[in-house]
Amino acid sequence: RHGVPRLVMHLTMGRSPETPSQAGLDSLRRIVDAAAVAGVIVCIENARDPDHIDAALEAIASPHLGLCYDSSHD
């Protein structure tokens, strides 16, 4: 609606995120599917736990899911 081509988001909150879960991946898949319909790319940002990024990128093969590298988080 606003012509935003990319949305950047974190996969976790807080200092001690839980391990990646199927429920979390299912939620992200629904977000990515909705983004595809809207023509938006969801860019997950590197944060505290790289396991979540690995799990998301391995589970969801979509051109509407990408990575936004933030050097200040590295």
C-alpha atoms as a PDB file:
ATOM      1  CA  ARG A   1       0.000   0.000   0.000  1.00  0.00           C
ATOM      2  CA  HIS A   2       2.886   2.371   0.747  1.00  0.00           C
ATOM      3  CA  GLY A   3       5.278   1.104  -1.909  1.00  0.00           C
ATOM      4  CA  VAL A   4       7.790  -0.268   0.586  1.00  0.00           C
ATOM      5  CA  PRO A   5       9.917  -2.857  -1.258  1.00  0.00           C
ATOM      6  CA  ARG A   6      11.638  -4.363   1.796  1.00  0.00           C
ATOM      7  CA  LEU A   7      10.783  -4.938   5.431  1.00  0.00           C
ATOM      8  CA  VAL A   8      13.583  -5.522   7.946  1.00  0.00           C
ATOM      9  CA  MET A   9      12.787  -7.531  11.061  1.00  0.00           C
ATOM     10  CA  HIS A  10      14.457  -9.333  13.951  1.00  0.00           C
ATOM     11  CA  LEU A  11      13.579 -12.968  14.534  1.00  0.00           C
ATOM     12  CA  THR A  12      14.057 -12.831  18.299  1.00  0.00           C
ATOM     13  CA  MET A  13      13.596 -10.547  21.297  1.00  0.00           C
ATOM     14  CA  GLY A  14      15.568 -10.182  24.472  1.00  0.00           C
ATOM     15  CA  ARG A  15      18.993 -11.325  25.538  1.00  0.00           C
ATOM     16  CA  SER A  16      18.255 -15.053  25.767  1.00  0.00           C
ATOM     17  CA  PRO A  17      16.078 -16.143  22.854  1.00  0.00           C
ATOM     18  CA  GLU A  18      14.546 -19.588  22.923  1.00  0.00           C
ATOM     19  CA  THR A  19      15.770 -22.172  20.448  1.00  0.00           C
ATOM     20  CA  PRO A  20      14.248 -22.013  16.959  1.00  0.00           C
ATOM     21  CA  SER A  21      10.859 -23.744  16.872  1.00  0.00           C
ATOM     22  CA  GLN A  22       8.511 -25.086  14.240  1.00  0.00           C
ATOM     23  CA  ALA A  23       5.827 -22.676  15.451  1.00  0.00           C
ATOM     24  CA  GLY A  24       8.176 -19.734  14.895  1.00  0.00           C
ATOM     25  CA  LEU A  25       9.121 -20.976  11.427  1.00  0.00           C
ATOM     26  CA  ASP A  26       5.449 -21.475  10.554  1.00  0.00           C
ATOM     27  CA  SER A  27       4.704 -17.893  11.632  1.00  0.00           C
ATOM     28  CA  LEU A  28       7.585 -16.561   9.565  1.00  0.00           C
ATOM     29  CA  ARG A  29       6.408 -18.609   6.568  1.00  0.00           C
ATOM     30  CA  ARG A  30       2.970 -16.954   6.824  1.00  0.00           C
ATOM     31  CA  ILE A  31       4.633 -13.522   6.956  1.00  0.00           C
ATOM     32  CA  VAL A  32       6.772 -14.325   3.908  1.00  0.00           C
ATOM     33  CA  ASP A  33       3.755 -15.675   2.003  1.00  0.00           C
ATOM     34  CA  ALA A  34       1.832 -12.457   2.718  1.00  0.00           C
ATOM     35  CA  ALA A  35       4.871 -10.416   1.697  1.00  0.00           C
ATOM     36  CA  ALA A  36       5.045 -12.294  -1.603  1.00  0.00           C
ATOM     37  CA  VAL A  37       1.427 -11.386  -2.357  1.00  0.00           C
ATOM     38  CA  ALA A  38       2.224  -7.743  -1.568  1.00  0.00           C
ATOM     39  CA  GLY A  39       5.463  -7.761  -3.571  1.00  0.00           C
ATOM     40  CA  VAL A  40       7.615  -7.148  -0.495  1.00  0.00           C
ATOM     41  CA  ILE A  41      10.882  -8.816   0.527  1.00  0.00           C
ATOM     42  CA  VAL A  42      11.204  -9.685   4.234  1.00  0.00           C
ATOM     43  CA  CYS A  43      14.813  -9.169   5.318  1.00  0.00           C
ATOM     44  CA  ILE A  44      15.737 -10.857   8.579  1.00  0.00           C
ATOM     45  CA  GLU A  45      18.439  -9.032  10.464  1.00  0.00           C
ATOM     46  CA  ASN A  46      21.355 -10.679  12.198  1.00  0.00           C
ATOM     47  CA  ALA A  47      20.901 -10.303  15.938  1.00  0.00           C
ATOM     48  CA  ARG A  48      21.981 -12.290  18.976  1.00  0.00           C
ATOM     49  CA  ASP A  49      21.562 -15.876  17.814  1.00  0.00           C
ATOM     50  CA  PRO A  50      22.641 -17.000  14.333  1.00  0.00           C
ATOM     51  CA  ASP A  51      20.808 -20.328  14.809  1.00  0.00           C
ATOM     52  CA  HIS A  52      17.498 -18.569  14.139  1.00  0.00           C
ATOM     53  CA  ILE A  53      18.754 -17.089  10.877  1.00  0.00           C
ATOM     54  CA  ASP A  54      20.141 -20.446   9.751  1.00  0.00           C
ATOM     55  CA  ALA A  55      16.885 -22.225  10.612  1.00  0.00           C
ATOM     56  CA  ALA A  56      14.757 -19.626   8.804  1.00  0.00           C
ATOM     57  CA  LEU A  57      16.829 -19.535   5.630  1.00  0.00           C
ATOM     58  CA  GLU A  58      17.047 -23.334   5.501  1.00  0.00           C
ATOM     59  CA  ALA A  59      13.314 -23.863   6.111  1.00  0.00           C
ATOM     60  CA  ILE A  60      11.901 -21.152   3.849  1.00  0.00           C
ATOM     61  CA  ALA A  61      13.181 -21.100   0.290  1.00  0.00           C
ATOM     62  CA  SER A  62      11.592 -17.961  -1.107  1.00  0.00           C
ATOM     63  CA  PRO A  63      12.809 -15.000  -3.120  1.00  0.00           C
ATOM     64  CA  HIS A  64      10.741 -12.942  -0.656  1.00  0.00           C
ATOM     65  CA  LEU A  65      12.983 -13.857   2.288  1.00  0.00           C
ATOM     66  CA  GLY A  66      16.465 -12.417   2.566  1.00  0.00           C
ATOM     67  CA  LEU A  67      19.111 -11.262   5.013  1.00  0.00           C
ATOM     68  CA  CYS A  68      19.865  -7.724   6.117  1.00  0.00           C
ATOM     69  CA  TYR A  69      23.369  -7.676   7.578  1.00  0.00           C
ATOM     70  CA  ASP A  70      23.788  -5.121  10.368  1.00  0.00           C
ATOM     71  CA  SER A  71      27.482  -4.777  11.216  1.00  0.00           C
ATOM     72  CA  SER A  72      26.676  -3.206  14.590  1.00  0.00           C
ATOM     73  CA  HIS A  73      25.040  -6.492  15.627  1.00  0.00           C
ATOM     74  CA  ASP A  74      28.040  -8.568  14.629  1.00  0.00           C
END
